């Protein structure tokens, strides 16, 4: 894959493997952007466990890991990411939302007794931890540039735009919108993007019950993407209460509203 992505986990809040969550998947947030078959990992929810097995099979030895934030559903797969325990592997870990802590402290903290028996120091891969400020830009590789933006989420979160060869993929989760006031940070980040993956945990009808929880809707995703001249939208971060039947309806309603919208499914691949 020259430039595209794979979804390894598409749920929000908590993993929900069950017979009613089969078609869209039950693992929490983890994506893999591929640039000329070089992986870039986005978030470390429970989906990163399966990604780790895939990395072994493909013989990959190194990858950056970009974290949107450090709530459990975006980091609790990290202790089960087998390549991080394997000598000869290298991972650069980035986070742009923290003020009072470092990302190393946060990841080490969740791997501390009595809540987890295996400490971070057991990981034998070469790990480098990079804290930055949301809004910064940087190069991951000579031909891959990353732009970032601050998102509206409790404890902070970071949106990413990955650019390569004149094309771009944006990852915008977890964020809460204000009805009738398009988020200018997000509009600036996603302007003209080829693909946007956006936090659509709720519907517009559900949203008023969850103001302050830090999430958005698929309808707001479409409004933003239309305003920013985005080519394709992947609806993402599905509420665990939304089973396959509910998500089928979201997919149908979103398609009727805008032909550029699809619903992300675990295992789905998109190539630009």
C-alpha atoms as a PDB file:
ATOM      1  CA  UNK A   1       0.000   0.000   0.000  1.00  0.00           C
ATOM      2  CA  UNK A   2       1.643   3.250  -1.116  1.00  0.00           C
ATOM      3  CA  UNK A   3      -0.517   5.548   1.056  1.00  0.00           C
ATOM      4  CA  UNK A   4      -3.580   4.434   2.950  1.00  0.00           C
ATOM      5  CA  UNK A   5      -4.796   3.032   6.241  1.00  0.00           C
ATOM      6  CA  UNK A   6      -6.169  -0.007   8.027  1.00  0.00           C
ATOM      7  CA  UNK A   7      -8.589   0.016  10.950  1.00  0.00           C
ATOM      8  CA  UNK A   8      -7.570  -2.306  13.784  1.00  0.00           C
ATOM      9  CA  UNK A   9     -10.037  -0.921  16.362  1.00  0.00           C
ATOM     10  CA  UNK A  10     -12.983   1.426  15.801  1.00  0.00           C
ATOM     11  CA  UNK A  11     -14.896   1.460  19.133  1.00  0.00           C
ATOM     12  CA  UNK A  12     -14.902   4.185  21.749  1.00  0.00           C
ATOM     13  CA  UNK A  13     -14.979   4.011  25.548  1.00  0.00           C
ATOM     14  CA  UNK A  14     -14.684   0.251  26.093  1.00  0.00           C
ATOM     15  CA  UNK A  15     -14.065  -2.862  24.030  1.00  0.00           C
ATOM     16  CA  UNK A  16     -17.247  -4.811  23.368  1.00  0.00           C
ATOM     17  CA  UNK A  17     -16.617  -8.136  21.633  1.00  0.00           C
ATOM     18  CA  UNK A  18     -20.037  -9.743  21.390  1.00  0.00           C
ATOM     19  CA  UNK A  19     -22.362 -11.387  18.846  1.00  0.00           C
ATOM     20  CA  UNK A  20     -24.102  -8.027  18.330  1.00  0.00           C
ATOM     21  CA  UNK A  21     -20.829  -6.206  17.506  1.00  0.00           C
ATOM     22  CA  UNK A  22     -19.435  -8.405  14.741  1.00  0.00           C
ATOM     23  CA  UNK A  23     -19.797  -6.470  11.484  1.00  0.00           C
ATOM     24  CA  UNK A  24     -18.144  -3.288  12.784  1.00  0.00           C
ATOM     25  CA  UNK A  25     -15.865  -4.759  15.435  1.00  0.00           C
ATOM     26  CA  UNK A  26     -15.472  -4.497  19.189  1.00  0.00           C
ATOM     27  CA  UNK A  27     -11.857  -3.335  19.691  1.00  0.00           C
ATOM     28  CA  UNK A  28     -11.034   0.224  20.751  1.00  0.00           C
ATOM     29  CA  UNK A  29      -9.124   2.826  18.789  1.00  0.00           C
ATOM     30  CA  UNK A  30      -6.122   1.776  16.730  1.00  0.00           C
ATOM     31  CA  UNK A  31      -5.329   2.666  13.119  1.00  0.00           C
ATOM     32  CA  UNK A  32      -2.348   1.962  10.906  1.00  0.00           C
ATOM     33  CA  UNK A  33      -1.402   4.464   8.223  1.00  0.00           C
ATOM     34  CA  UNK A  34       0.864   2.899   5.614  1.00  0.00           C
ATOM     35  CA  UNK A  35       3.308   4.963   3.566  1.00  0.00           C
ATOM     36  CA  UNK A  36       5.074   2.740   1.031  1.00  0.00           C
ATOM     37  CA  UNK A  37       4.373  -0.123   3.461  1.00  0.00           C
ATOM     38  CA  UNK A  38       6.002   1.757   6.375  1.00  0.00           C
ATOM     39  CA  UNK A  39       3.520   1.649   9.295  1.00  0.00           C
ATOM     40  CA  UNK A  40       2.497   4.697  11.318  1.00  0.00           C
ATOM     41  CA  UNK A  41       0.375   3.683  14.317  1.00  0.00           C
ATOM     42  CA  UNK A  42      -2.441   5.903  15.548  1.00  0.00           C
ATOM     43  CA  UNK A  43      -3.543   5.203  19.134  1.00  0.00           C
ATOM     44  CA  UNK A  44      -3.043   2.098  21.243  1.00  0.00           C
ATOM     45  CA  UNK A  45      -6.503   0.841  22.139  1.00  0.00           C
ATOM     46  CA  UNK A  46      -7.191  -2.892  22.244  1.00  0.00           C
ATOM     47  CA  UNK A  47      -6.885  -3.101  18.456  1.00  0.00           C
ATOM     48  CA  UNK A  48      -3.103  -2.688  18.735  1.00  0.00           C
ATOM     49  CA  UNK A  49      -2.782  -6.276  19.969  1.00  0.00           C
ATOM     50  CA  UNK A  50      -3.782  -7.695  16.575  1.00  0.00           C
ATOM     51  CA  UNK A  51      -1.701  -5.054  14.809  1.00  0.00           C
ATOM     52  CA  UNK A  52       1.312  -6.278  16.774  1.00  0.00           C
ATOM     53  CA  UNK A  53       0.848  -9.815  15.446  1.00  0.00           C
ATOM     54  CA  UNK A  54       0.597  -8.413  11.921  1.00  0.00           C
ATOM     55  CA  UNK A  55       3.816  -6.436  12.389  1.00  0.00           C
ATOM     56  CA  UNK A  56       5.611  -9.668  13.321  1.00  0.00           C
ATOM     57  CA  UNK A  57       4.253 -11.480  10.257  1.00  0.00           C
ATOM     58  CA  UNK A  58       5.355  -8.663   7.943  1.00  0.00           C
ATOM     59  CA  UNK A  59       8.807  -8.460   9.481  1.00  0.00           C
ATOM     60  CA  UNK A  60       8.443  -4.792  10.433  1.00  0.00           C
ATOM     61  CA  UNK A  61      10.977  -3.577  12.985  1.00  0.00           C
ATOM     62  CA  UNK A  62      10.111   0.083  13.630  1.00  0.00           C
ATOM     63  CA  UNK A  63       7.175   2.476  13.612  1.00  0.00           C
ATOM     64  CA  UNK A  64       6.067   5.763  15.160  1.00  0.00           C
ATOM     65  CA  UNK A  65       3.038   5.662  17.480  1.00  0.00           C
ATOM     66  CA  UNK A  66       0.955   8.864  17.551  1.00  0.00           C
ATOM     67  CA  UNK A  67      -1.413   9.099  20.512  1.00  0.00           C
ATOM     68  CA  UNK A  68      -4.432  11.404  20.457  1.00  0.00           C
ATOM     69  CA  UNK A  69      -4.667  11.298  24.261  1.00  0.00           C
ATOM     70  CA  UNK A  70      -4.247   8.950  27.182  1.00  0.00           C
ATOM     71  CA  UNK A  71      -7.749   7.923  28.232  1.00  0.00           C
ATOM     72  CA  UNK A  72      -7.900   4.164  28.755  1.00  0.00           C
ATOM     73  CA  UNK A  73      -9.634   3.234  25.515  1.00  0.00           C
ATOM     74  CA  UNK A  74      -6.718   4.773  23.570  1.00  0.00           C
ATOM     75  CA  UNK A  75      -3.789   3.302  25.537  1.00  0.00           C
ATOM     76  CA  UNK A  76      -4.910   0.112  27.315  1.00  0.00           C
ATOM     77  CA  UNK A  77      -3.835  -2.099  24.433  1.00  0.00           C
ATOM     78  CA  UNK A  78      -0.237  -0.911  24.740  1.00  0.00           C
ATOM     79  CA  UNK A  79       0.734  -3.463  27.446  1.00  0.00           C
ATOM     80  CA  UNK A  80      -0.370  -6.205  25.000  1.00  0.00           C
ATOM     81  CA  UNK A  81       1.592  -4.882  22.000  1.00  0.00           C
ATOM     82  CA  UNK A  82       4.004  -7.796  21.628  1.00  0.00           C
ATOM     83  CA  UNK A  83       6.611  -6.079  19.387  1.00  0.00           C
ATOM     84  CA  UNK A  84       7.347  -3.633  22.225  1.00  0.00           C
ATOM     85  CA  UNK A  85       8.597  -6.562  24.313  1.00  0.00           C
ATOM     86  CA  UNK A  86      10.881  -7.819  21.537  1.00  0.00           C
ATOM     87  CA  UNK A  87      14.557  -6.816  21.176  1.00  0.00           C
ATOM     88  CA  UNK A  88      15.447  -5.385  17.786  1.00  0.00           C
ATOM     89  CA  UNK A  89      12.236  -3.371  17.426  1.00  0.00           C
ATOM     90  CA  UNK A  90      12.067   0.429  17.676  1.00  0.00           C
ATOM     91  CA  UNK A  91       9.069   2.651  18.419  1.00  0.00           C
ATOM     92  CA  UNK A  92       8.893   6.453  18.643  1.00  0.00           C
ATOM     93  CA  UNK A  93       5.893   7.409  20.801  1.00  0.00           C
ATOM     94  CA  UNK A  94       4.340  10.875  20.439  1.00  0.00           C
ATOM     95  CA  UNK A  95       1.722  12.756  22.475  1.00  0.00           C
ATOM     96  CA  UNK A  96       0.692  16.414  22.364  1.00  0.00           C
ATOM     97  CA  UNK A  97      -2.002  16.764  25.017  1.00  0.00           C
ATOM     98  CA  UNK A  98      -0.181  16.458  28.338  1.00  0.00           C
ATOM     99  CA  UNK A  99       0.865  19.352  30.579  1.00  0.00           C
ATOM    100  CA  UNK A 100       1.653  18.030  34.049  1.00  0.00           C
ATOM    101  CA  UNK A 101       2.901  14.594  32.982  1.00  0.00           C
ATOM    102  CA  UNK A 102       5.022  13.023  30.264  1.00  0.00           C
ATOM    103  CA  UNK A 103       3.651  10.307  28.011  1.00  0.00           C
ATOM    104  CA  UNK A 104       6.255   7.930  29.414  1.00  0.00           C
ATOM    105  CA  UNK A 105       4.921   8.524  32.934  1.00  0.00           C
ATOM    106  CA  UNK A 106       1.356   7.877  31.781  1.00  0.00           C
ATOM    107  CA  UNK A 107       2.148   4.627  29.952  1.00  0.00           C
ATOM    108  CA  UNK A 108       4.331   3.435  32.825  1.00  0.00           C
ATOM    109  CA  UNK A 109       1.598   4.332  35.312  1.00  0.00           C
ATOM    110  CA  UNK A 110      -0.969   2.014  33.748  1.00  0.00           C
ATOM    111  CA  UNK A 111       1.584  -0.827  33.903  1.00  0.00           C
ATOM    112  CA  UNK A 112       2.125  -0.498  37.658  1.00  0.00           C
ATOM    113  CA  UNK A 113       0.975  -2.833  40.409  1.00  0.00           C
ATOM    114  CA  UNK A 114      -1.637  -3.441  41.690  1.00  0.00           C
ATOM    115  CA  UNK A 115      -3.465  -2.732  38.411  1.00  0.00           C
ATOM    116  CA  UNK A 116      -0.970  -4.492  36.082  1.00  0.00           C
ATOM    117  CA  UNK A 117       1.755  -7.027  36.920  1.00  0.00           C
ATOM    118  CA  UNK A 118       4.304  -6.317  34.156  1.00  0.00           C
ATOM    119  CA  UNK A 119       6.132  -2.959  34.300  1.00  0.00           C
ATOM    120  CA  UNK A 120       7.080  -0.812  31.319  1.00  0.00           C
ATOM    121  CA  UNK A 121      10.749  -1.636  31.920  1.00  0.00           C
ATOM    122  CA  UNK A 122      10.036  -5.229  30.831  1.00  0.00           C
ATOM    123  CA  UNK A 123       9.623  -3.994  27.265  1.00  0.00           C
ATOM    124  CA  UNK A 124      12.864  -4.793  25.452  1.00  0.00           C
ATOM    125  CA  UNK A 125      12.244  -2.843  22.240  1.00  0.00           C
ATOM    126  CA  UNK A 126      13.922   0.536  21.895  1.00  0.00           C
ATOM    127  CA  UNK A 127      11.255   3.034  22.990  1.00  0.00           C
ATOM    128  CA  UNK A 128      11.607   6.805  22.602  1.00  0.00           C
ATOM    129  CA  UNK A 129       9.000   9.111  24.146  1.00  0.00           C
ATOM    130  CA  UNK A 130       8.265  12.480  22.542  1.00  0.00           C
ATOM    131  CA  UNK A 131       6.008  15.098  24.154  1.00  0.00           C
ATOM    132  CA  UNK A 132       4.998  18.078  22.025  1.00  0.00           C
ATOM    133  CA  UNK A 133       2.365  20.828  22.089  1.00  0.00           C
ATOM    134  CA  UNK A 134      -0.828  20.335  20.071  1.00  0.00           C
ATOM    135  CA  UNK A 135      -0.546  22.706  17.138  1.00  0.00           C
ATOM    136  CA  UNK A 136       3.070  21.733  16.380  1.00  0.00           C
ATOM    137  CA  UNK A 137       4.177  20.291  13.031  1.00  0.00           C
ATOM    138  CA  UNK A 138       7.021  17.846  12.463  1.00  0.00           C
ATOM    139  CA  UNK A 139       8.479  15.357   9.990  1.00  0.00           C
ATOM    140  CA  UNK A 140       8.221  11.643  10.729  1.00  0.00           C
ATOM    141  CA  UNK A 141      10.233  10.682   7.645  1.00  0.00           C
ATOM    142  CA  UNK A 142      11.782  12.797   4.869  1.00  0.00           C
ATOM    143  CA  UNK A 143       8.610  12.468   2.760  1.00  0.00           C
ATOM    144  CA  UNK A 144       6.008  12.364   5.554  1.00  0.00           C
ATOM    145  CA  UNK A 145       4.945  15.525   7.410  1.00  0.00           C
ATOM    146  CA  UNK A 146       2.566  15.706  10.379  1.00  0.00           C
ATOM    147  CA  UNK A 147       0.438  18.677  11.360  1.00  0.00           C
ATOM    148  CA  UNK A 148      -1.465  18.700  14.656  1.00  0.00           C
ATOM    149  CA  UNK A 149      -4.307  20.593  16.322  1.00  0.00           C
ATOM    150  CA  UNK A 150      -5.815  20.768  19.789  1.00  0.00           C
ATOM    151  CA  UNK A 151      -9.213  19.090  20.220  1.00  0.00           C
ATOM    152  CA  UNK A 152     -12.062  19.811  22.642  1.00  0.00           C
ATOM    153  CA  UNK A 153     -11.935  16.858  25.028  1.00  0.00           C
ATOM    154  CA  UNK A 154     -11.641  16.430  28.817  1.00  0.00           C
ATOM    155  CA  UNK A 155      -7.909  16.375  29.744  1.00  0.00           C
ATOM    156  CA  UNK A 156      -7.062  17.398  26.176  1.00  0.00           C
ATOM    157  CA  UNK A 157      -6.582  15.542  22.890  1.00  0.00           C
ATOM    158  CA  UNK A 158      -4.696  16.028  19.631  1.00  0.00           C
ATOM    159  CA  UNK A 159      -5.838  15.732  16.034  1.00  0.00           C
ATOM    160  CA  UNK A 160      -3.344  14.657  13.346  1.00  0.00           C
ATOM    161  CA  UNK A 161      -2.920  15.366   9.636  1.00  0.00           C
ATOM    162  CA  UNK A 162      -0.434  13.073   7.891  1.00  0.00           C
ATOM    163  CA  UNK A 163       0.763  14.373   4.509  1.00  0.00           C
ATOM    164  CA  UNK A 164       2.611  12.425   1.833  1.00  0.00           C
ATOM    165  CA  UNK A 165       2.998  12.944  -1.903  1.00  0.00           C
ATOM    166  CA  UNK A 166       0.495  15.786  -2.042  1.00  0.00           C
ATOM    167  CA  UNK A 167      -2.214  13.760  -0.245  1.00  0.00           C
ATOM    168  CA  UNK A 168      -3.408  13.765   3.338  1.00  0.00           C
ATOM    169  CA  UNK A 169      -5.130  11.623   5.966  1.00  0.00           C
ATOM    170  CA  UNK A 170      -6.600  13.309   9.070  1.00  0.00           C
ATOM    171  CA  UNK A 171      -7.384  11.577  12.358  1.00  0.00           C
ATOM    172  CA  UNK A 172      -9.739  13.629  14.539  1.00  0.00           C
ATOM    173  CA  UNK A 173     -10.903  11.879  17.729  1.00  0.00           C
ATOM    174  CA  UNK A 174     -11.926  12.509  20.598  1.00  0.00           C
ATOM    175  CA  UNK A 175     -13.575  15.904  20.248  1.00  0.00           C
ATOM    176  CA  UNK A 176     -16.833  17.640  21.182  1.00  0.00           C
ATOM    177  CA  UNK A 177     -18.433  20.246  18.936  1.00  0.00           C
ATOM    178  CA  UNK A 178     -20.581  23.227  19.859  1.00  0.00           C
ATOM    179  CA  UNK A 179     -23.800  23.107  17.816  1.00  0.00           C
ATOM    180  CA  UNK A 180     -23.886  25.832  15.194  1.00  0.00           C
ATOM    181  CA  UNK A 181     -20.242  26.806  15.784  1.00  0.00           C
ATOM    182  CA  UNK A 182     -17.879  24.823  13.507  1.00  0.00           C
ATOM    183  CA  UNK A 183     -14.557  24.130  15.238  1.00  0.00           C
ATOM    184  CA  UNK A 184     -11.998  26.345  13.499  1.00  0.00           C
ATOM    185  CA  UNK A 185      -9.064  24.250  14.739  1.00  0.00           C
ATOM    186  CA  UNK A 186     -10.531  21.218  13.017  1.00  0.00           C
ATOM    187  CA  UNK A 187     -11.506  23.074   9.854  1.00  0.00           C
ATOM    188  CA  UNK A 188      -7.946  24.353   9.522  1.00  0.00           C
ATOM    189  CA  UNK A 189      -6.513  20.873  10.069  1.00  0.00           C
ATOM    190  CA  UNK A 190      -8.750  19.005   7.602  1.00  0.00           C
ATOM    191  CA  UNK A 191      -8.992  21.626   4.827  1.00  0.00           C
ATOM    192  CA  UNK A 192      -8.855  19.835   1.452  1.00  0.00           C
ATOM    193  CA  UNK A 193      -7.943  16.463   2.990  1.00  0.00           C
ATOM    194  CA  UNK A 194      -8.326  13.275   0.998  1.00  0.00           C
ATOM    195  CA  UNK A 195      -9.621  11.310   4.000  1.00  0.00           C
ATOM    196  CA  UNK A 196     -10.840  12.344   7.454  1.00  0.00           C
ATOM    197  CA  UNK A 197     -11.442   9.846  10.271  1.00  0.00           C
ATOM    198  CA  UNK A 198     -13.726  11.607  12.749  1.00  0.00           C
ATOM    199  CA  UNK A 199     -15.202  10.961  16.199  1.00  0.00           C
ATOM    200  CA  UNK A 200     -18.888  10.272  15.574  1.00  0.00           C
ATOM    201  CA  UNK A 201     -19.755   8.567  18.855  1.00  0.00           C
ATOM    202  CA  UNK A 202     -23.313   9.927  18.900  1.00  0.00           C
ATOM    203  CA  UNK A 203     -26.079  11.027  16.584  1.00  0.00           C
ATOM    204  CA  UNK A 204     -27.389  14.593  16.637  1.00  0.00           C
ATOM    205  CA  UNK A 205     -30.476  13.252  18.434  1.00  0.00           C
ATOM    206  CA  UNK A 206     -28.400  11.644  21.195  1.00  0.00           C
ATOM    207  CA  UNK A 207     -25.876  14.452  21.573  1.00  0.00           C
ATOM    208  CA  UNK A 208     -27.790  16.765  24.023  1.00  0.00           C
ATOM    209  CA  UNK A 209     -27.729  13.986  26.670  1.00  0.00           C
ATOM    210  CA  UNK A 210     -23.923  13.812  26.549  1.00  0.00           C
ATOM    211  CA  UNK A 211     -22.762  17.418  26.422  1.00  0.00           C
ATOM    212  CA  UNK A 212     -19.463  17.642  28.300  1.00  0.00           C
ATOM    213  CA  UNK A 213     -18.468  14.029  27.613  1.00  0.00           C
ATOM    214  CA  UNK A 214     -16.087  15.098  24.835  1.00  0.00           C
ATOM    215  CA  UNK A 215     -17.528  13.499  21.700  1.00  0.00           C
ATOM    216  CA  UNK A 216     -19.270  14.468  18.478  1.00  0.00           C
ATOM    217  CA  UNK A 217     -21.747  13.160  15.890  1.00  0.00           C
ATOM    218  CA  UNK A 218     -21.683  11.801  12.357  1.00  0.00           C
ATOM    219  CA  UNK A 219     -23.860  14.698  11.213  1.00  0.00           C
ATOM    220  CA  UNK A 220     -21.314  17.222  12.524  1.00  0.00           C
ATOM    221  CA  UNK A 221     -18.574  15.238  10.791  1.00  0.00           C
ATOM    222  CA  UNK A 222     -20.354  15.662   7.466  1.00  0.00           C
ATOM    223  CA  UNK A 223     -20.940  19.363   8.096  1.00  0.00           C
ATOM    224  CA  UNK A 224     -17.236  19.910   8.810  1.00  0.00           C
ATOM    225  CA  UNK A 225     -16.057  17.828   5.864  1.00  0.00           C
ATOM    226  CA  UNK A 226     -18.344  19.621   3.441  1.00  0.00           C
ATOM    227  CA  UNK A 227     -17.220  23.015   4.719  1.00  0.00           C
ATOM    228  CA  UNK A 228     -13.540  22.018   4.427  1.00  0.00           C
ATOM    229  CA  UNK A 229     -13.826  20.455   0.949  1.00  0.00           C
ATOM    230  CA  UNK A 230     -12.809  17.003   2.215  1.00  0.00           C
ATOM    231  CA  UNK A 231     -13.014  14.151  -0.288  1.00  0.00           C
ATOM    232  CA  UNK A 232     -13.928  11.224   2.011  1.00  0.00           C
ATOM    233  CA  UNK A 233     -15.091  10.763   5.602  1.00  0.00           C
ATOM    234  CA  UNK A 234     -14.761   7.651   7.772  1.00  0.00           C
ATOM    235  CA  UNK A 235     -17.206   7.710  10.703  1.00  0.00           C
ATOM    236  CA  UNK A 236     -15.337   6.374  13.745  1.00  0.00           C
ATOM    237  CA  UNK A 237     -15.235   5.801  17.558  1.00  0.00           C
ATOM    238  CA  UNK A 238     -18.565   3.967  17.691  1.00  0.00           C
ATOM    239  CA  UNK A 239     -20.442   3.994  20.987  1.00  0.00           C
ATOM    240  CA  UNK A 240     -20.427   0.498  22.570  1.00  0.00           C
ATOM    241  CA  UNK A 241     -24.220   0.817  22.921  1.00  0.00           C
ATOM    242  CA  UNK A 242     -24.490   0.967  19.116  1.00  0.00           C
ATOM    243  CA  UNK A 243     -24.757  -2.615  17.896  1.00  0.00           C
ATOM    244  CA  UNK A 244     -24.479  -3.836  14.294  1.00  0.00           C
ATOM    245  CA  UNK A 245     -28.113  -3.072  13.505  1.00  0.00           C
ATOM    246  CA  UNK A 246     -27.759   0.490  14.811  1.00  0.00           C
ATOM    247  CA  UNK A 247     -24.519   1.016  12.859  1.00  0.00           C
ATOM    248  CA  UNK A 248     -26.138  -0.320   9.676  1.00  0.00           C
ATOM    249  CA  UNK A 249     -28.726   2.443  10.045  1.00  0.00           C
ATOM    250  CA  UNK A 250     -26.023   5.067  10.646  1.00  0.00           C
ATOM    251  CA  UNK A 251     -24.229   3.895   7.494  1.00  0.00           C
ATOM    252  CA  UNK A 252     -27.417   4.139   5.415  1.00  0.00           C
ATOM    253  CA  UNK A 253     -28.380   7.558   6.814  1.00  0.00           C
ATOM    254  CA  UNK A 254     -24.858   8.941   6.346  1.00  0.00           C
ATOM    255  CA  UNK A 255     -24.692   7.725   2.736  1.00  0.00           C
ATOM    256  CA  UNK A 256     -28.017   9.397   1.970  1.00  0.00           C
ATOM    257  CA  UNK A 257     -26.787  12.628   3.550  1.00  0.00           C
ATOM    258  CA  UNK A 258     -23.394  12.731   1.781  1.00  0.00           C
ATOM    259  CA  UNK A 259     -21.955  10.269  -0.720  1.00  0.00           C
ATOM    260  CA  UNK A 260     -18.433  10.788   0.661  1.00  0.00           C
ATOM    261  CA  UNK A 261     -19.277   9.247   4.044  1.00  0.00           C
ATOM    262  CA  UNK A 262     -18.598   5.659   5.098  1.00  0.00           C
ATOM    263  CA  UNK A 263     -18.651   3.930   8.477  1.00  0.00           C
ATOM    264  CA  UNK A 264     -15.305   2.518   9.659  1.00  0.00           C
ATOM    265  CA  UNK A 265     -15.197  -1.219  10.287  1.00  0.00           C
ATOM    266  CA  UNK A 266     -12.496  -3.213  12.012  1.00  0.00           C
ATOM    267  CA  UNK A 267     -10.294  -4.696   9.278  1.00  0.00           C
ATOM    268  CA  UNK A 268     -11.314  -2.137   6.653  1.00  0.00           C
ATOM    269  CA  UNK A 269      -8.555  -0.839   4.372  1.00  0.00           C
ATOM    270  CA  UNK A 270      -8.630   2.432   2.417  1.00  0.00           C
ATOM    271  CA  UNK A 271      -5.966   3.307  -0.150  1.00  0.00           C
ATOM    272  CA  UNK A 272      -5.675   6.822  -1.529  1.00  0.00           C
END
